[in-house]
PDB file of N, CA and C in Angstrom:
ATOM      1  N   MET A   1      98.372  87.593 109.042  1.00  0.00           N
ATOM      2  CA  MET A   1      97.863  88.350 107.850  1.00  0.00           C
ATOM      3  C   MET A   1      97.425  87.330 107.021  1.00  0.00           C
ATOM      4  N   SER A   2      96.062  87.279 106.603  1.00  0.00           N
ATOM      5  CA  SER A   2      95.476  86.380 105.822  1.00  0.00           C
ATOM      6  C   SER A   2      95.671  86.857 104.183  1.00  0.00           C
ATOM      7  N   ILE A   3      95.374  85.817 103.454  1.00  0.00           N
ATOM      8  CA  ILE A   3      95.532  86.068 101.898  1.00  0.00           C
ATOM      9  C   ILE A   3      94.494  87.098 101.521  1.00  0.00           C
ATOM     10  N   LEU A   4      93.291  87.082 102.050  1.00  0.00           N
ATOM     11  CA  LEU A   4      92.294  87.967 101.694  1.00  0.00           C
ATOM     12  C   LEU A   4      92.724  89.382 101.960  1.00  0.00           C
ATOM     13  N   ARG A   5      93.350  89.631 103.202  1.00  0.00           N
ATOM     14  CA  ARG A   5      93.852  90.962 103.626  1.00  0.00           C
ATOM     15  C   ARG A   5      94.890  91.367 102.645  1.00  0.00           C
ATOM     16  N   VAL A   6      95.837  90.433 102.224  1.00  0.00           N
ATOM     17  CA  VAL A   6      96.992  90.899 101.377  1.00  0.00           C
ATOM     18  C   VAL A   6      96.355  91.285  99.992  1.00  0.00           C
ATOM     19  N   LEU A   7      95.311  90.462  99.483  1.00  0.00           N
ATOM     20  CA  LEU A   7      94.772  90.828  98.184  1.00  0.00           C
ATOM     21  C   LEU A   7      94.061  92.188  98.331  1.00  0.00           C
ATOM     22  N   LEU A   8      93.401  92.425  99.352  1.00  0.00           N
ATOM     23  CA  LEU A   8      92.635  93.754  99.504  1.00  0.00           C
ATOM     24  C   LEU A   8      93.621  94.840  99.562  1.00  0.00           C
ATOM     25  N   ALA A   9      94.823  94.596 100.285  1.00  0.00           N
ATOM     26  CA  ALA A   9      95.880  95.686 100.451  1.00  0.00           C
ATOM     27  C   ALA A   9      96.464  95.864  99.110  1.00  0.00           C
ATOM     28  N   ILE A  10      96.459  95.017  98.165  1.00  0.00           N
ATOM     29  CA  ILE A  10      97.056  95.259  96.900  1.00  0.00           C
ATOM     30  C   ILE A  10      96.112  95.868  95.964  1.00  0.00           C
ATOM     31  N   PHE A  11      94.796  95.610  95.996  1.00  0.00           N
ATOM     32  CA  PHE A  11      93.903  96.167  95.027  1.00  0.00           C
ATOM     33  C   PHE A  11      93.094  97.375  95.491  1.00  0.00           C
ATOM     34  N   PHE A  12      92.770  97.391  96.786  1.00  0.00           N
ATOM     35  CA  PHE A  12      92.198  98.586  97.499  1.00  0.00           C
ATOM     36  C   PHE A  12      92.725  98.667  98.949  1.00  0.00           C
ATOM     37  N   PRO A  13      93.874  99.376  98.997  1.00  0.00           N
ATOM     38  CA  PRO A  13      94.566  99.463 100.262  1.00  0.00           C
ATOM     39  C   PRO A  13      93.638 100.054 101.574  1.00  0.00           C
ATOM     40  N   PRO A  14      92.822 101.058 101.352  1.00  0.00           N
ATOM     41  CA  PRO A  14      92.189 101.512 102.498  1.00  0.00           C
ATOM     42  C   PRO A  14      91.170 100.549 103.069  1.00  0.00           C
ATOM     43  N   LEU A  15      90.592  99.738 102.238  1.00  0.00           N
ATOM     44  CA  LEU A  15      89.646  98.678 102.653  1.00  0.00           C
ATOM     45  C   LEU A  15      90.346  97.630 103.515  1.00  0.00           C
ATOM     46  N   ALA A  16      91.627  97.416 103.176  1.00  0.00           N
ATOM     47  CA  ALA A  16      92.228  96.344 104.040  1.00  0.00           C
ATOM     48  C   ALA A  16      92.518  96.729 105.484  1.00  0.00           C
ATOM     49  N   VAL A  17      92.584  98.095 105.800  1.00  0.00           N
ATOM     50  CA  VAL A  17      92.882  98.614 107.098  1.00  0.00           C
ATOM     51  C   VAL A  17      91.773  99.195 107.743  1.00  0.00           C
ATOM     52  N   ILE A  18      90.561  99.078 107.289  1.00  0.00           N
ATOM     53  CA  ILE A  18      89.382  99.795 107.822  1.00  0.00           C
ATOM     54  C   ILE A  18      89.090  99.516 109.252  1.00  0.00           C
ATOM     55  N   ASP A  19      89.378  98.220 109.689  1.00  0.00           N
ATOM     56  CA  ASP A  19      89.113  97.925 111.032  1.00  0.00           C
ATOM     57  C   ASP A  19      90.290  98.209 112.008  1.00  0.00           C
ATOM     58  N   LYS A  20      91.299  98.826 111.574  1.00  0.00           N
ATOM     59  CA  LYS A  20      92.566  99.198 112.478  1.00  0.00           C
ATOM     60  C   LYS A  20      92.449 100.548 113.024  1.00  0.00           C
ATOM     61  N   GLY A  21      91.244 101.256 112.577  1.00  0.00           N
ATOM     62  CA  GLY A  21      91.068 102.625 113.175  1.00  0.00           C
ATOM     63  C   GLY A  21      90.971 103.675 112.135  1.00  0.00           C
ATOM     64  N   CYS A  22      90.315 104.781 112.602  1.00  0.00           N
ATOM     65  CA  CYS A  22      90.186 105.831 111.615  1.00  0.00           C
ATOM     66  C   CYS A  22      91.464 106.476 111.218  1.00  0.00           C
ATOM     67  N   GLY A  23      92.369 106.508 112.116  1.00  0.00           N
ATOM     68  CA  GLY A  23      93.694 107.237 111.656  1.00  0.00           C
ATOM     69  C   GLY A  23      94.426 106.378 110.604  1.00  0.00           C
ATOM     70  N   SER A  24      94.424 105.054 110.750  1.00  0.00           N
ATOM     71  CA  SER A  24      95.105 104.085 109.687  1.00  0.00           C
ATOM     72  C   SER A  24      94.459 104.352 108.474  1.00  0.00           C
ATOM     73  N   PHE A  25      93.080 104.346 108.460  1.00  0.00           N
ATOM     74  CA  PHE A  25      92.203 104.230 107.256  1.00  0.00           C
ATOM     75  C   PHE A  25      92.598 105.648 106.503  1.00  0.00           C
ATOM     76  N   THR A  26      92.639 106.797 107.341  1.00  0.00           N
ATOM     77  CA  THR A  26      92.751 108.062 106.697  1.00  0.00           C
ATOM     78  C   THR A  26      94.190 108.195 106.030  1.00  0.00           C
ATOM     79  N   ILE A  27      95.123 107.664 106.784  1.00  0.00           N
ATOM     80  CA  ILE A  27      96.618 107.747 106.255  1.00  0.00           C
ATOM     81  C   ILE A  27      96.747 106.963 104.991  1.00  0.00           C
ATOM     82  N   ILE A  28      96.205 105.636 105.021  1.00  0.00           N
ATOM     83  CA  ILE A  28      96.259 104.880 103.845  1.00  0.00           C
ATOM     84  C   ILE A  28      95.524 105.537 102.744  1.00  0.00           C
ATOM     85  N   PHE A  29      94.397 106.030 102.928  1.00  0.00           N
ATOM     86  CA  PHE A  29      93.636 106.698 101.859  1.00  0.00           C
ATOM     87  C   PHE A  29      94.313 107.848 101.136  1.00  0.00           C
ATOM     88  N   ILE A  30      94.973 108.659 102.087  1.00  0.00           N
ATOM     89  CA  ILE A  30      95.782 109.886 101.477  1.00  0.00           C
ATOM     90  C   ILE A  30      96.971 109.271 100.752  1.00  0.00           C
ATOM     91  N   LEU A  31      97.718 108.314 101.272  1.00  0.00           N
ATOM     92  CA  LEU A  31      98.680 107.658 100.450  1.00  0.00           C
ATOM     93  C   LEU A  31      98.242 107.068  99.233  1.00  0.00           C
ATOM     94  N   THR A  32      97.202 106.350  99.138  1.00  0.00           N
ATOM     95  CA  THR A  32      96.569 105.860  97.973  1.00  0.00           C
ATOM     96  C   THR A  32      96.258 106.981  96.995  1.00  0.00           C
ATOM     97  N   LEU A  33      95.726 108.063  97.401  1.00  0.00           N
ATOM     98  CA  LEU A  33      95.510 109.203  96.501  1.00  0.00           C
ATOM     99  C   LEU A  33      96.846 109.722  95.917  1.00  0.00           C
ATOM    100  N   CYS A  34      97.818 109.755  96.751  1.00  0.00           N
ATOM    101  CA  CYS A  34      99.160 110.263  96.226  1.00  0.00           C
ATOM    102  C   CYS A  34      99.772 109.388  95.216  1.00  0.00           C
ATOM    103  N   GLY A  35      99.391 107.952  95.274  1.00  0.00           N
ATOM    104  CA  GLY A  35      99.967 107.052  94.367  1.00  0.00           C
ATOM    105  C   GLY A  35      99.603 105.664  94.915  1.00  0.00           C
ATOM    106  N   TRP A  36      99.301 104.721  94.012  1.00  0.00           N
ATOM    107  CA  TRP A  36      98.937 103.456  94.382  1.00  0.00           C
ATOM    108  C   TRP A  36     100.004 102.626  95.176  1.00  0.00           C
ATOM    109  N   ILE A  37     101.218 102.811  94.816  1.00  0.00           N
ATOM    110  CA  ILE A  37     102.213 101.942  95.460  1.00  0.00           C
ATOM    111  C   ILE A  37     102.470 102.561  96.897  1.00  0.00           C
ATOM    112  N   PRO A  38     102.511 103.705  97.136  1.00  0.00           N
ATOM    113  CA  PRO A  38     102.681 104.149  98.613  1.00  0.00           C
ATOM    114  C   PRO A  38     101.401 103.628  99.508  1.00  0.00           C
ATOM    115  N   GLY A  39     100.271 103.618  98.877  1.00  0.00           N
ATOM    116  CA  GLY A  39      99.133 103.084  99.623  1.00  0.00           C
ATOM    117  C   GLY A  39      99.257 101.648  99.959  1.00  0.00           C
ATOM    118  N   VAL A  40      99.757 100.890  98.880  1.00  0.00           N
ATOM    119  CA  VAL A  40      99.898  99.384  99.150  1.00  0.00           C
ATOM    120  C   VAL A  40     100.954  99.155 100.220  1.00  0.00           C
ATOM    121  N   ILE A  41     102.084  99.793 100.032  1.00  0.00           N
ATOM    122  CA  ILE A  41     103.213  99.608 101.083  1.00  0.00           C
ATOM    123  C   ILE A  41     102.806  99.962 102.496  1.00  0.00           C
ATOM    124  N   GLY A  42     102.022 101.075 102.663  1.00  0.00           N
ATOM    125  CA  GLY A  42     101.600 101.520 103.985  1.00  0.00           C
ATOM    126  C   GLY A  42     100.554 100.522 104.497  1.00  0.00           C
ATOM    127  N   ALA A  43      99.620  99.926 103.618  1.00  0.00           N
ATOM    128  CA  ALA A  43      98.728  98.942 104.118  1.00  0.00           C
ATOM    129  C   ALA A  43      99.392  97.713 104.523  1.00  0.00           C
ATOM    130  N   LEU A  44     100.248  97.205 103.766  1.00  0.00           N
ATOM    131  CA  LEU A  44     100.984  95.966 104.185  1.00  0.00           C
ATOM    132  C   LEU A  44     101.785  96.114 105.515  1.00  0.00           C
ATOM    133  N   ILE A  45     102.483  97.342 105.644  1.00  0.00           N
ATOM    134  CA  ILE A  45     103.095  97.617 106.909  1.00  0.00           C
ATOM    135  C   ILE A  45     102.253  97.613 108.185  1.00  0.00           C
ATOM    136  N   ILE A  46     101.035  98.196 107.944  1.00  0.00           N
ATOM    137  CA  ILE A  46     100.056  98.254 109.079  1.00  0.00           C
ATOM    138  C   ILE A  46      99.528  96.929 109.294  1.00  0.00           C
ATOM    139  N   LEU A  47      99.191  96.099 108.288  1.00  0.00           N
ATOM    140  CA  LEU A  47      98.674  94.720 108.507  1.00  0.00           C
ATOM    141  C   LEU A  47      99.804  93.806 109.150  1.00  0.00           C
ATOM    142  N   ASN A  48     101.038  94.044 108.752  1.00  0.00           N
ATOM    143  CA  ASN A  48     102.111  93.333 109.294  1.00  0.00           C
ATOM    144  C   ASN A  48     102.425  93.610 110.716  1.00  0.00           C
ATOM    145  N   LYS A  49     102.237  94.877 111.130  1.00  0.00           N
ATOM    146  CA  LYS A  49     102.525  95.249 112.539  1.00  0.00           C
ATOM    147  C   LYS A  49     101.546  94.731 113.474  1.00  0.00           C
ATOM    148  N   SER A  50     100.233  94.704 113.132  1.00  0.00           N
ATOM    149  CA  SER A  50      99.175  94.167 114.139  1.00  0.00           C
ATOM    150  C   SER A  50      98.941  92.791 113.927  1.00  0.00           C
ATOM    151  N   LYS A  51      99.661  91.802 114.548  1.00  0.00           N
ATOM    152  CA  LYS A  51      99.442  90.426 114.480  1.00  0.00           C
ATOM    153  C   LYS A  51      98.531  90.103 115.693  1.00  0.00           C
ATOM    154  N   ASN A  52      97.236  89.735 115.279  1.00  0.00           N
ATOM    155  CA  ASN A  52      96.321  89.437 116.417  1.00  0.00           C
ATOM    156  C   ASN A  52      96.056  87.955 116.405  1.00  0.00           C
TER     157      ASN A  52
END
């Protein structure tokens, strides 16, 4: 997880997970619409799970 990804996850969560697939992007987008904090937490979890 790079520093750029973490900053993107904090400021605009859907953009941080855009390359993880359409499903991840959609889920994080909906979570961000429900509230900023759930979107950030979801994005950080997705970024932490996929260590490439």
